[in-house]
Amino acid sequence: MTKPNILFICGKARKRSPTAAELVAGWGMVNTDCAGVGLDADTVVSLDEIEWADKIIVMELKQKKKLNALFGTALRDKPIRCLGVPDNYEYMQDALVDILTTKLAFLRN
């Protein structure tokens, strides 16, 4: 069985989405990648990444809105889930890992 591809999105792809991608990749059930919607993101989200993804998970609703503005029709059949995780954490911070572990538990089912 092929593992689904999950794309994690935050603003700058420096803290939340890379933490989520690394955490979930360690579970071994999905392929992960991360990107940001900001022009100053370490990895700016691209159409190739959108097309690669089976599911997209954003940290905040403003990122979902930005994705829709940037990629509209390419997102038509892509499920997008918002976790509601504010930009208050550092990369791999224990509190962030705990929050993501709880909010992403649905990926283990």
N, C-alpha and C. Protein backbone atom coordinates (compact mmCIF):
# COMPACT_ATOMS: atom_id res chain seq x y z
N MET A 1 0.84 -1.18 0.00
CA MET A 1 0.00 0.00 0.00
C MET A 1 0.89 1.25 0.00
N THR A 2 0.53 2.21 -0.82
CA THR A 2 1.30 3.45 -0.93
C THR A 2 0.98 4.36 0.23
N LYS A 3 2.01 4.96 0.79
CA LYS A 3 1.81 5.92 1.88
C LYS A 3 1.27 7.22 1.30
N PRO A 4 0.29 7.83 1.99
CA PRO A 4 -0.19 9.14 1.52
C PRO A 4 0.87 10.22 1.74
N ASN A 5 0.79 11.26 0.92
CA ASN A 5 1.69 12.41 1.01
C ASN A 5 0.98 13.55 1.75
N ILE A 6 1.59 13.99 2.85
CA ILE A 6 1.02 15.07 3.65
C ILE A 6 1.94 16.28 3.57
N LEU A 7 1.37 17.42 3.17
CA LEU A 7 2.11 18.68 3.10
C LEU A 7 1.68 19.57 4.26
N PHE A 8 2.64 19.94 5.10
CA PHE A 8 2.39 20.83 6.22
C PHE A 8 2.77 22.26 5.83
N ILE A 9 1.88 23.20 6.15
CA ILE A 9 2.07 24.60 5.75
C ILE A 9 1.98 25.50 6.98
N CYS A 10 2.94 26.42 7.06
CA CYS A 10 2.85 27.52 8.03
C CYS A 10 3.31 28.78 7.30
N GLY A 11 3.68 29.80 8.03
CA GLY A 11 4.06 31.06 7.39
C GLY A 11 5.42 31.03 6.73
N LYS A 12 6.45 30.65 7.49
CA LYS A 12 7.82 30.74 6.99
C LYS A 12 8.52 29.39 6.88
N ALA A 13 7.85 28.31 7.22
CA ALA A 13 8.43 26.96 7.14
C ALA A 13 9.71 26.85 7.97
N ARG A 14 9.69 27.49 9.14
CA ARG A 14 10.88 27.45 10.00
C ARG A 14 10.63 26.74 11.32
N LYS A 15 9.40 26.76 11.80
CA LYS A 15 9.15 26.24 13.14
C LYS A 15 8.04 25.18 13.14
N ARG A 16 6.81 25.61 12.90
CA ARG A 16 5.67 24.70 13.07
C ARG A 16 5.59 23.61 12.00
N SER A 17 5.61 24.00 10.73
CA SER A 17 5.45 22.96 9.70
C SER A 17 6.65 22.01 9.64
N PRO A 18 7.90 22.47 9.80
CA PRO A 18 9.00 21.50 9.83
C PRO A 18 8.93 20.55 11.04
N THR A 19 8.47 21.10 12.17
CA THR A 19 8.30 20.24 13.35
C THR A 19 7.24 19.18 13.08
N ALA A 20 6.12 19.59 12.52
CA ALA A 20 5.05 18.63 12.21
C ALA A 20 5.52 17.58 11.21
N ALA A 21 6.20 18.02 10.16
CA ALA A 21 6.67 17.08 9.13
C ALA A 21 7.64 16.06 9.72
N GLU A 22 8.56 16.52 10.54
CA GLU A 22 9.54 15.61 11.14
C GLU A 22 8.87 14.66 12.13
N LEU A 23 7.98 15.19 12.94
CA LEU A 23 7.27 14.37 13.92
C LEU A 23 6.48 13.25 13.24
N VAL A 24 5.67 13.62 12.26
CA VAL A 24 4.80 12.65 11.59
C VAL A 24 5.61 11.68 10.73
N ALA A 25 6.67 12.14 10.11
CA ALA A 25 7.53 11.24 9.33
C ALA A 25 8.08 10.13 10.22
N GLY A 26 8.36 10.46 11.47
CA GLY A 26 8.85 9.47 12.42
C GLY A 26 7.85 8.39 12.75
N TRP A 27 6.58 8.65 12.52
CA TRP A 27 5.56 7.64 12.76
C TRP A 27 5.55 6.58 11.67
N GLY A 28 6.12 6.90 10.50
CA GLY A 28 6.30 5.93 9.44
C GLY A 28 5.10 5.57 8.60
N MET A 29 3.99 6.27 8.75
CA MET A 29 2.77 5.91 8.03
C MET A 29 2.48 6.78 6.81
N VAL A 30 3.16 7.92 6.71
CA VAL A 30 2.93 8.86 5.62
C VAL A 30 4.25 9.45 5.16
N ASN A 31 4.25 9.99 3.96
CA ASN A 31 5.37 10.80 3.47
C ASN A 31 5.04 12.24 3.82
N THR A 32 6.04 13.01 4.24
CA THR A 32 5.77 14.39 4.64
C THR A 32 6.69 15.37 3.93
N ASP A 33 6.20 16.60 3.85
CA ASP A 33 6.99 17.72 3.37
C ASP A 33 6.41 18.96 4.04
N CYS A 34 7.15 20.05 3.99
CA CYS A 34 6.64 21.28 4.58
C CYS A 34 7.05 22.46 3.72
N ALA A 35 6.28 23.53 3.86
CA ALA A 35 6.54 24.75 3.12
C ALA A 35 5.81 25.89 3.82
N GLY A 36 6.11 27.10 3.36
CA GLY A 36 5.46 28.28 3.93
C GLY A 36 4.79 29.09 2.84
N VAL A 37 3.81 29.89 3.25
CA VAL A 37 3.10 30.73 2.30
C VAL A 37 3.71 32.13 2.18
N GLY A 38 4.61 32.48 3.08
CA GLY A 38 5.24 33.79 3.03
C GLY A 38 6.32 33.85 1.96
N LEU A 39 6.49 35.01 1.37
CA LEU A 39 7.53 35.17 0.35
C LEU A 39 8.93 35.02 0.94
N ASP A 40 9.04 35.19 2.26
CA ASP A 40 10.32 35.04 2.94
C ASP A 40 10.47 33.67 3.61
N ALA A 41 9.61 32.74 3.25
CA ALA A 41 9.68 31.39 3.84
C ALA A 41 10.97 30.70 3.43
N ASP A 42 11.46 29.83 4.30
CA ASP A 42 12.66 29.05 3.96
C ASP A 42 12.41 28.21 2.71
N THR A 43 11.22 27.63 2.62
CA THR A 43 10.77 26.91 1.42
C THR A 43 9.39 27.46 1.09
N VAL A 44 9.29 28.24 0.03
CA VAL A 44 8.00 28.80 -0.38
C VAL A 44 7.20 27.72 -1.09
N VAL A 45 5.95 27.56 -0.69
CA VAL A 45 5.11 26.51 -1.27
C VAL A 45 5.00 26.69 -2.79
N SER A 46 5.06 25.57 -3.50
CA SER A 46 5.03 25.60 -4.96
C SER A 46 3.87 24.74 -5.47
N LEU A 47 3.55 24.93 -6.73
CA LEU A 47 2.52 24.11 -7.36
C LEU A 47 2.93 22.64 -7.36
N ASP A 48 4.20 22.36 -7.55
CA ASP A 48 4.67 20.97 -7.51
C ASP A 48 4.35 20.31 -6.17
N GLU A 49 4.56 21.05 -5.08
CA GLU A 49 4.26 20.50 -3.76
C GLU A 49 2.76 20.30 -3.57
N ILE A 50 1.97 21.24 -4.05
CA ILE A 50 0.51 21.11 -3.97
C ILE A 50 0.07 19.87 -4.73
N GLU A 51 0.60 19.68 -5.92
CA GLU A 51 0.23 18.51 -6.73
C GLU A 51 0.70 17.21 -6.09
N TRP A 52 1.84 17.22 -5.42
CA TRP A 52 2.39 16.04 -4.74
C TRP A 52 1.51 15.60 -3.58
N ALA A 53 0.92 16.55 -2.88
CA ALA A 53 0.20 16.29 -1.64
C ALA A 53 -1.14 15.61 -1.86
N ASP A 54 -1.41 14.60 -1.03
CA ASP A 54 -2.74 14.00 -0.96
C ASP A 54 -3.61 14.78 0.02
N LYS A 55 -2.97 15.30 1.07
CA LYS A 55 -3.64 16.12 2.08
C LYS A 55 -2.72 17.28 2.42
N ILE A 56 -3.35 18.40 2.76
CA ILE A 56 -2.59 19.57 3.18
C ILE A 56 -3.07 19.95 4.58
N ILE A 57 -2.11 20.21 5.45
CA ILE A 57 -2.44 20.61 6.82
C ILE A 57 -1.78 21.96 7.08
N VAL A 58 -2.62 22.95 7.41
CA VAL A 58 -2.12 24.29 7.72
C VAL A 58 -2.18 24.52 9.22
N MET A 59 -1.36 25.44 9.68
CA MET A 59 -1.33 25.74 11.11
C MET A 59 -2.40 26.76 11.51
N GLU A 60 -2.73 27.70 10.58
CA GLU A 60 -3.71 28.75 10.88
C GLU A 60 -4.61 28.98 9.66
N LEU A 61 -5.82 29.48 9.90
CA LEU A 61 -6.76 29.73 8.81
C LEU A 61 -6.21 30.72 7.78
N LYS A 62 -5.39 31.69 8.22
CA LYS A 62 -4.87 32.65 7.25
C LYS A 62 -4.00 31.97 6.21
N GLN A 63 -3.37 30.85 6.56
CA GLN A 63 -2.56 30.11 5.58
C GLN A 63 -3.46 29.38 4.58
N LYS A 64 -4.59 28.90 5.04
CA LYS A 64 -5.53 28.26 4.12
C LYS A 64 -6.06 29.29 3.11
N LYS A 65 -6.37 30.48 3.60
CA LYS A 65 -6.86 31.54 2.71
C LYS A 65 -5.78 31.92 1.70
N LYS A 66 -4.55 32.01 2.14
CA LYS A 66 -3.45 32.37 1.24
C LYS A 66 -3.25 31.27 0.19
N LEU A 67 -3.33 30.00 0.60
CA LEU A 67 -3.22 28.89 -0.36
C LEU A 67 -4.30 28.99 -1.42
N ASN A 68 -5.53 29.26 -0.98
CA ASN A 68 -6.63 29.39 -1.93
C ASN A 68 -6.40 30.53 -2.90
N ALA A 69 -5.85 31.64 -2.41
CA ALA A 69 -5.57 32.78 -3.28
C ALA A 69 -4.46 32.46 -4.28
N LEU A 70 -3.47 31.70 -3.84
CA LEU A 70 -2.33 31.38 -4.70
C LEU A 70 -2.61 30.24 -5.69
N PHE A 71 -3.34 29.23 -5.23
CA PHE A 71 -3.45 27.99 -6.01
C PHE A 71 -4.87 27.56 -6.33
N GLY A 72 -5.86 28.36 -5.98
CA GLY A 72 -7.27 28.11 -6.24
C GLY A 72 -7.66 26.77 -6.81
N THR A 73 -7.69 26.65 -8.13
CA THR A 73 -8.20 25.44 -8.78
C THR A 73 -7.34 24.21 -8.51
N ALA A 74 -6.06 24.38 -8.26
CA ALA A 74 -5.19 23.23 -7.97
C ALA A 74 -5.55 22.58 -6.64
N LEU A 75 -6.29 23.30 -5.82
CA LEU A 75 -6.69 22.78 -4.50
C LEU A 75 -8.07 22.15 -4.51
N ARG A 76 -8.71 22.16 -5.65
CA ARG A 76 -10.11 21.72 -5.74
C ARG A 76 -10.38 20.38 -5.06
N ASP A 77 -9.54 19.38 -5.29
CA ASP A 77 -9.77 18.05 -4.75
C ASP A 77 -8.83 17.72 -3.59
N LYS A 78 -8.22 18.72 -3.01
CA LYS A 78 -7.27 18.50 -1.92
C LYS A 78 -7.93 18.80 -0.58
N PRO A 79 -8.01 17.81 0.30
CA PRO A 79 -8.49 18.12 1.63
C PRO A 79 -7.47 18.98 2.38
N ILE A 80 -7.95 20.08 2.96
CA ILE A 80 -7.09 20.98 3.73
C ILE A 80 -7.65 21.04 5.14
N ARG A 81 -6.79 20.76 6.10
CA ARG A 81 -7.20 20.78 7.50
C ARG A 81 -6.40 21.84 8.24
N CYS A 82 -7.07 22.59 9.08
CA CYS A 82 -6.41 23.63 9.88
C CYS A 82 -6.29 23.13 11.32
N LEU A 83 -5.07 23.21 11.87
CA LEU A 83 -4.82 22.75 13.23
C LEU A 83 -5.04 23.84 14.28
N GLY A 84 -5.01 25.10 13.89
CA GLY A 84 -5.19 26.17 14.86
C GLY A 84 -4.02 26.29 15.83
N VAL A 85 -2.80 26.19 15.31
CA VAL A 85 -1.60 26.31 16.13
C VAL A 85 -0.95 27.67 15.85
N PRO A 86 -0.97 28.58 16.83
CA PRO A 86 -0.39 29.91 16.61
C PRO A 86 1.14 29.86 16.53
N ASP A 87 1.70 30.93 16.01
CA ASP A 87 3.15 31.02 15.83
C ASP A 87 3.81 31.49 17.13
N ASN A 88 3.71 30.65 18.16
CA ASN A 88 4.24 30.97 19.49
C ASN A 88 5.34 30.02 19.93
N TYR A 89 5.86 29.21 19.03
CA TYR A 89 6.77 28.14 19.41
C TYR A 89 8.04 28.15 18.57
N GLU A 90 9.05 27.51 19.09
CA GLU A 90 10.29 27.31 18.37
C GLU A 90 10.28 25.92 17.73
N TYR A 91 11.15 25.71 16.77
CA TYR A 91 11.29 24.42 16.10
C TYR A 91 11.56 23.32 17.13
N MET A 92 10.78 22.28 17.09
CA MET A 92 10.89 21.09 17.95
C MET A 92 10.77 21.40 19.45
N GLN A 93 10.19 22.54 19.79
CA GLN A 93 9.96 22.87 21.20
C GLN A 93 9.02 21.82 21.79
N ASP A 94 9.30 21.39 23.01
CA ASP A 94 8.51 20.32 23.64
C ASP A 94 7.01 20.62 23.62
N ALA A 95 6.64 21.87 23.95
CA ALA A 95 5.23 22.22 23.97
C ALA A 95 4.60 22.10 22.58
N LEU A 96 5.34 22.48 21.54
CA LEU A 96 4.84 22.35 20.18
C LEU A 96 4.70 20.89 19.79
N VAL A 97 5.67 20.08 20.11
CA VAL A 97 5.60 18.64 19.82
C VAL A 97 4.39 18.03 20.51
N ASP A 98 4.14 18.40 21.76
CA ASP A 98 2.99 17.86 22.50
C ASP A 98 1.67 18.25 21.82
N ILE A 99 1.55 19.53 21.44
CA ILE A 99 0.33 20.00 20.78
C ILE A 99 0.12 19.28 19.45
N LEU A 100 1.18 19.19 18.66
CA LEU A 100 1.06 18.53 17.35
C LEU A 100 0.77 17.04 17.49
N THR A 101 1.36 16.39 18.47
CA THR A 101 1.11 14.97 18.69
C THR A 101 -0.39 14.75 18.94
N THR A 102 -0.99 15.61 19.73
CA THR A 102 -2.41 15.51 20.03
C THR A 102 -3.26 15.84 18.81
N LYS A 103 -2.97 16.96 18.16
CA LYS A 103 -3.79 17.43 17.04
C LYS A 103 -3.64 16.56 15.79
N LEU A 104 -2.55 15.85 15.66
CA LEU A 104 -2.31 15.02 14.48
C LEU A 104 -2.56 13.54 14.74
N ALA A 105 -3.12 13.21 15.88
CA ALA A 105 -3.40 11.82 16.22
C ALA A 105 -4.29 11.14 15.17
N PHE A 106 -5.15 11.92 14.48
CA PHE A 106 -6.02 11.35 13.46
C PHE A 106 -5.23 10.70 12.32
N LEU A 107 -3.98 11.09 12.12
CA LEU A 107 -3.17 10.50 11.05
C LEU A 107 -2.73 9.07 11.39
N ARG A 108 -2.80 8.73 12.66
CA ARG A 108 -2.40 7.38 13.09
C ARG A 108 -3.51 6.37 12.90
N ASN A 109 -4.71 6.85 12.64
CA ASN A 109 -5.87 5.93 12.50
C ASN A 109 -5.97 5.35 11.11
